C-alpha atoms as a PDB file:
ATOM      1  CA  MET A   1      -9.037  61.627 -37.410  1.00  0.00           C
ATOM      2  CA  SER A   2      -5.632  61.391 -35.672  1.00  0.00           C
ATOM      3  CA  VAL A   3      -2.292  61.967 -37.011  1.00  0.00           C
ATOM      4  CA  ILE A   4      -1.327  58.175 -36.293  1.00  0.00           C
ATOM      5  CA  ASN A   5      -4.393  56.823 -38.048  1.00  0.00           C
ATOM      6  CA  ILE A   6      -3.360  58.937 -41.011  1.00  0.00           C
ATOM      7  CA  ILE A   7       0.118  57.739 -40.954  1.00  0.00           C
ATOM      8  CA  LEU A   8      -1.133  54.052 -40.524  1.00  0.00           C
ATOM      9  CA  LEU A   9      -3.499  54.585 -43.683  1.00  0.00           C
ATOM     10  CA  SER A  10      -0.765  56.065 -45.744  1.00  0.00           C
ATOM     11  CA  ILE A  11       1.511  53.050 -44.756  1.00  0.00           C
ATOM     12  CA  LEU A  12      -1.575  50.794 -45.751  1.00  0.00           C
ATOM     13  CA  ILE A  13      -1.631  52.324 -49.252  1.00  0.00           C
ATOM     14  CA  VAL A  14       1.901  51.866 -49.702  1.00  0.00           C
ATOM     15  CA  GLY A  15       1.808  48.470 -48.486  1.00  0.00           C
ATOM     16  CA  ALA A  16      -1.061  47.471 -50.764  1.00  0.00           C
ATOM     17  CA  LEU A  17       0.613  48.951 -53.819  1.00  0.00           C
ATOM     18  CA  TRP A  18       3.825  47.006 -52.914  1.00  0.00           C
ATOM     19  CA  THR A  19       1.655  43.916 -52.919  1.00  0.00           C
ATOM     20  CA  VAL A  20       0.123  44.393 -56.275  1.00  0.00           C
ATOM     21  CA  LEU A  21       3.066  46.035 -58.035  1.00  0.00           C
ATOM     22  CA  THR A  22       5.913  43.769 -56.925  1.00  0.00           C
ATOM     23  CA  ARG A  23       7.162  41.320 -59.524  1.00  0.00           C
ATOM     24  CA  SER A  24       8.113  38.598 -57.079  1.00  0.00           C
ATOM     25  CA  LEU A  25       5.684  36.530 -55.448  1.00  0.00           C
ATOM     26  CA  LEU A  26       7.518  35.746 -52.131  1.00  0.00           C
ATOM     27  CA  ARG A  27       7.808  39.665 -51.869  1.00  0.00           C
ATOM     28  CA  ALA A  28       4.332  40.018 -52.596  1.00  0.00           C
ATOM     29  CA  ALA A  29       3.221  37.480 -50.061  1.00  0.00           C
ATOM     30  CA  ILE A  30       5.485  39.335 -47.354  1.00  0.00           C
ATOM     31  CA  ALA A  31       3.936  42.628 -48.569  1.00  0.00           C
ATOM     32  CA  LEU A  32       0.478  41.260 -48.000  1.00  0.00           C
ATOM     33  CA  ALA A  33       1.350  40.026 -44.592  1.00  0.00           C
ATOM     34  CA  PHE A  34       2.771  43.696 -43.876  1.00  0.00           C
ATOM     35  CA  THR A  35      -0.346  45.166 -45.119  1.00  0.00           C
ATOM     36  CA  SER A  36      -2.412  42.882 -43.011  1.00  0.00           C
ATOM     37  CA  ALA A  37      -0.509  43.673 -39.802  1.00  0.00           C
ATOM     38  CA  ILE A  38      -1.133  47.357 -40.463  1.00  0.00           C
ATOM     39  CA  VAL A  39      -4.847  46.573 -40.915  1.00  0.00           C
ATOM     40  CA  ALA A  40      -4.704  44.960 -37.543  1.00  0.00           C
ATOM     41  CA  ALA A  41      -2.804  47.859 -36.141  1.00  0.00           C
ATOM     42  CA  LEU A  42      -5.801  49.971 -37.332  1.00  0.00           C
ATOM     43  CA  MET A  43      -8.422  47.669 -35.866  1.00  0.00           C
ATOM     44  CA  PHE A  44      -6.761  47.887 -32.701  1.00  0.00           C
ATOM     45  CA  ARG A  45      -6.813  51.799 -32.999  1.00  0.00           C
ATOM     46  CA  LEU A  46     -10.492  51.907 -33.746  1.00  0.00           C
ATOM     47  CA  ASP A  47     -11.522  49.775 -30.726  1.00  0.00           C
ATOM     48  CA  ALA A  48     -12.213  46.427 -32.341  1.00  0.00           C
ATOM     49  CA  PRO A  49      -9.433  44.307 -30.598  1.00  0.00           C
ATOM     50  CA  LEU A  50     -11.244  40.776 -31.373  1.00  0.00           C
ATOM     51  CA  ALA A  51     -11.481  41.675 -35.051  1.00  0.00           C
ATOM     52  CA  ALA A  52      -7.645  42.868 -34.865  1.00  0.00           C
ATOM     53  CA  VAL A  53      -6.478  39.519 -32.940  1.00  0.00           C
ATOM     54  CA  PHE A  54      -8.264  37.572 -35.769  1.00  0.00           C
ATOM     55  CA  GLU A  55      -6.737  39.512 -38.371  1.00  0.00           C
ATOM     56  CA  LEU A  56      -3.146  39.526 -36.801  1.00  0.00           C
ATOM     57  CA  SER A  57      -3.266  35.699 -36.371  1.00  0.00           C
ATOM     58  CA  VAL A  58      -5.376  34.274 -39.164  1.00  0.00           C
ATOM     59  CA  CYS A  59      -4.356  36.674 -42.232  1.00  0.00           C
ATOM     60  CA  THR A  60      -0.781  38.081 -40.978  1.00  0.00           C
ATOM     61  CA  GLY A  61       0.233  34.473 -39.798  1.00  0.00           C
ATOM     62  CA  LEU A  62      -1.529  31.407 -41.265  1.00  0.00           C
ATOM     63  CA  ILE A  63      -2.280  32.999 -44.715  1.00  0.00           C
ATOM     64  CA  SER A  64       1.149  34.409 -45.266  1.00  0.00           C
ATOM     65  CA  VAL A  65       2.565  30.909 -44.099  1.00  0.00           C
ATOM     66  CA  LEU A  66       0.567  29.052 -46.483  1.00  0.00           C
ATOM     67  CA  PHE A  67       1.300  31.585 -49.470  1.00  0.00           C
ATOM     68  CA  ILE A  68       5.244  31.478 -48.839  1.00  0.00           C
ATOM     69  CA  SER A  69       5.105  27.681 -48.517  1.00  0.00           C
ATOM     70  CA  THR A  70       3.094  27.375 -51.871  1.00  0.00           C
ATOM     71  CA  ILE A  71       5.444  29.722 -53.541  1.00  0.00           C
ATOM     72  CA  SER A  72       8.543  27.797 -52.296  1.00  0.00           C
ATOM     73  CA  LEU A  73       7.038  24.678 -53.750  1.00  0.00           C
ATOM     74  CA  THR A  74       6.667  26.060 -57.257  1.00  0.00           C
ATOM     75  CA  TYR A  75       9.371  26.288 -60.092  1.00  0.00           C
ATOM     76  CA  PRO A  76      10.968  29.716 -60.839  1.00  0.00           C
ATOM     77  CA  LEU A  77      10.275  31.551 -63.879  1.00  0.00           C
ATOM     78  CA  SER A  78      13.294  32.287 -66.308  1.00  0.00           C
ATOM     79  CA  GLN A  79      14.640  35.748 -66.458  1.00  0.00           C
ATOM     80  CA  GLU A  80      12.779  36.365 -69.902  1.00  0.00           C
ATOM     81  CA  GLU A  81       9.429  35.210 -68.553  1.00  0.00           C
ATOM     82  CA  LYS A  82      10.036  37.259 -65.641  1.00  0.00           C
ATOM     83  CA  LEU A  83      10.520  40.478 -67.743  1.00  0.00           C
ATOM     84  CA  GLN A  84       7.474  39.473 -70.118  1.00  0.00           C
ATOM     85  CA  HIS A  85       5.231  39.172 -66.959  1.00  0.00           C
ATOM     86  CA  MET A  86       6.746  42.462 -65.469  1.00  0.00           C
ATOM     87  CA  GLN A  87       5.712  44.415 -68.695  1.00  0.00           C
ATOM     88  CA  VAL A  88       2.340  42.729 -68.794  1.00  0.00           C
ATOM     89  CA  ARG A  89       1.563  43.727 -65.005  1.00  0.00           C
ATOM     90  CA  MET A  90       3.161  47.227 -65.543  1.00  0.00           C
ATOM     91  CA  GLN A  91       0.580  47.757 -68.459  1.00  0.00           C
ATOM     92  CA  ARG A  92      -2.295  46.703 -66.671  1.00  0.00           C
ATOM     93  CA  PHE A  93      -1.645  48.510 -63.373  1.00  0.00           C
ATOM     94  CA  ARG A  94      -0.004  51.592 -64.711  1.00  0.00           C
ATOM     95  CA  TRP A  95      -2.849  53.971 -63.543  1.00  0.00           C
ATOM     96  CA  LEU A  96      -3.374  52.116 -60.172  1.00  0.00           C
ATOM     97  CA  PRO A  97      -1.438  54.626 -58.106  1.00  0.00           C
ATOM     98  CA  VAL A  98      -2.950  57.392 -59.600  1.00  0.00           C
ATOM     99  CA  ILE A  99      -6.374  56.171 -59.245  1.00  0.00           C
ATOM    100  CA  VAL A 100      -5.566  55.264 -55.455  1.00  0.00           C
ATOM    101  CA  VAL A 101      -4.294  58.639 -54.519  1.00  0.00           C
ATOM    102  CA  ALA A 102      -7.327  60.363 -56.335  1.00  0.00           C
ATOM    103  CA  LEU A 103      -9.930  58.229 -54.516  1.00  0.00           C
ATOM    104  CA  GLY A 104      -8.039  58.696 -51.410  1.00  0.00           C
ATOM    105  CA  ILE A 105      -8.189  62.487 -51.681  1.00  0.00           C
ATOM    106  CA  GLY A 106     -11.828  62.252 -52.800  1.00  0.00           C
ATOM    107  CA  LEU A 107     -12.903  60.024 -49.906  1.00  0.00           C
ATOM    108  CA  SER A 108     -11.043  62.531 -47.490  1.00  0.00           C
ATOM    109  CA  LEU A 109     -12.947  65.390 -48.767  1.00  0.00           C
ATOM    110  CA  MET A 110     -16.371  63.797 -48.229  1.00  0.00           C
ATOM    111  CA  THR A 111     -18.363  64.051 -45.384  1.00  0.00           C
ATOM    112  CA  VAL A 112     -20.685  61.224 -44.562  1.00  0.00           C
ATOM    113  CA  LYS A 113     -23.183  61.683 -41.636  1.00  0.00           C
ATOM    114  CA  PHE A 114     -24.931  58.555 -40.236  1.00  0.00           C
ATOM    115  CA  THR A 115     -25.933  57.272 -36.942  1.00  0.00           C
ATOM    116  CA  LEU A 116     -25.074  54.123 -35.234  1.00  0.00           C
ATOM    117  CA  PRO A 117     -27.534  52.212 -32.866  1.00  0.00           C
ATOM    118  CA  ALA A 118     -26.400  52.591 -29.235  1.00  0.00           C
ATOM    119  CA  LEU A 119     -24.293  49.475 -28.045  1.00  0.00           C
ATOM    120  CA  ALA A 120     -25.314  47.349 -25.492  1.00  0.00           C
ATOM    121  CA  PRO A 121     -23.490  48.091 -22.059  1.00  0.00           C
ATOM    122  CA  GLN A 122     -20.309  46.411 -21.636  1.00  0.00           C
ATOM    123  CA  THR A 123     -20.240  43.747 -19.039  1.00  0.00           C
ATOM    124  CA  GLN A 124     -16.306  43.207 -19.097  1.00  0.00           C
ATOM    125  CA  SER A 125     -13.557  45.602 -19.747  1.00  0.00           C
ATOM    126  CA  ASP A 126     -10.548  43.008 -19.557  1.00  0.00           C
ATOM    127  CA  MET A 127      -9.924  41.582 -22.757  1.00  0.00           C
ATOM    128  CA  ARG A 128      -8.647  38.348 -21.183  1.00  0.00           C
ATOM    129  CA  LEU A 129     -11.930  37.782 -19.602  1.00  0.00           C
ATOM    130  CA  VAL A 130     -13.873  38.625 -22.565  1.00  0.00           C
ATOM    131  CA  MET A 131     -11.975  36.167 -24.874  1.00  0.00           C
ATOM    132  CA  TRP A 132     -11.651  33.217 -22.256  1.00  0.00           C
ATOM    133  CA  ASP A 133     -15.096  33.493 -20.479  1.00  0.00           C
ATOM    134  CA  LEU A 134     -17.316  34.857 -22.956  1.00  0.00           C
ATOM    135  CA  ARG A 135     -15.988  34.018 -26.201  1.00  0.00           C
ATOM    136  CA  PRO A 136     -14.606  30.135 -25.809  1.00  0.00           C
ATOM    137  CA  LEU A 137     -16.251  29.296 -29.287  1.00  0.00           C
ATOM    138  CA  GLU A 138     -14.330  31.914 -31.476  1.00  0.00           C
ATOM    139  CA  ILE A 139     -10.887  30.789 -29.409  1.00  0.00           C
ATOM    140  CA  PHE A 140     -11.898  27.074 -30.355  1.00  0.00           C
ATOM    141  CA  GLY A 141     -12.692  28.304 -34.089  1.00  0.00           C
ATOM    142  CA  GLN A 142      -9.543  30.164 -34.383  1.00  0.00           C
ATOM    143  CA  VAL A 143      -7.318  27.162 -32.814  1.00  0.00           C
ATOM    144  CA  VAL A 144      -9.081  24.948 -35.591  1.00  0.00           C
ATOM    145  CA  ILE A 145      -8.246  27.130 -38.345  1.00  0.00           C
ATOM    146  CA  LEU A 146      -4.541  27.657 -37.393  1.00  0.00           C
ATOM    147  CA  LEU A 147      -3.995  23.755 -36.879  1.00  0.00           C
ATOM    148  CA  SER A 148      -5.512  23.211 -40.257  1.00  0.00           C
ATOM    149  CA  GLY A 149      -3.313  25.534 -41.881  1.00  0.00           C
ATOM    150  CA  ALA A 150      -0.479  24.195 -40.257  1.00  0.00           C
ATOM    151  CA  PHE A 151      -1.298  20.446 -41.299  1.00  0.00           C
ATOM    152  CA  GLY A 152      -2.190  21.822 -44.819  1.00  0.00           C
ATOM    153  CA  VAL A 153       1.640  23.079 -44.777  1.00  0.00           C
ATOM    154  CA  ILE A 154       2.882  19.754 -43.643  1.00  0.00           C
ATOM    155  CA  ILE A 155       0.976  17.783 -46.183  1.00  0.00           C
ATOM    156  CA  LEU A 156       2.293  20.250 -49.065  1.00  0.00           C
ATOM    157  CA  PHE A 157       5.852  19.618 -48.081  1.00  0.00           C
ATOM    158  CA  LYS A 158       5.281  15.789 -47.762  1.00  0.00           C
ATOM    159  CA  GLU A 159       3.956  15.699 -51.216  1.00  0.00           C
ATOM    160  CA  ALA A 160       6.838  17.856 -52.460  1.00  0.00           C
ATOM    161  CA  GLY A 161       9.208  15.553 -51.046  1.00  0.00           C
ATOM    162  CA  LYS A 162       7.854  12.551 -52.541  1.00  0.00           C
ATOM    163  CA  LYS A 163       8.280  14.177 -56.101  1.00  0.00           C
END
């Protein structure tokens, strides 16, 4: 495993913990987008560019926009409610960092041997040709998902404006 992958995995763990442990929903949504972007970078590093592109556009982009717009439409908690909620959350997740670090160390010490079937020969090496010539249905699906999310956000803001 390369040093860059280890650094990215470490940043991924920190981002995931930030997502779970932060008390602000807006910060949690931003941390989730950050974590998803790191996952996309890892997918690029592992030679899975199609999965990385979908992760980056849908999870990092669309889902984050939906979460942030939904959060902006909700009412804020009082300071007392925030404090009580944070205490309950810290009680519930107090052992999470220790468990994550222990699992990370345990998994890094394990050795798993498995064989993958041989891949079919690659016909195209240029990503643009693969996406536009060989995968038009995936592009169409991604555009539909992105437009659905955009129209969903527009409808949410229209409904909030009426109230």
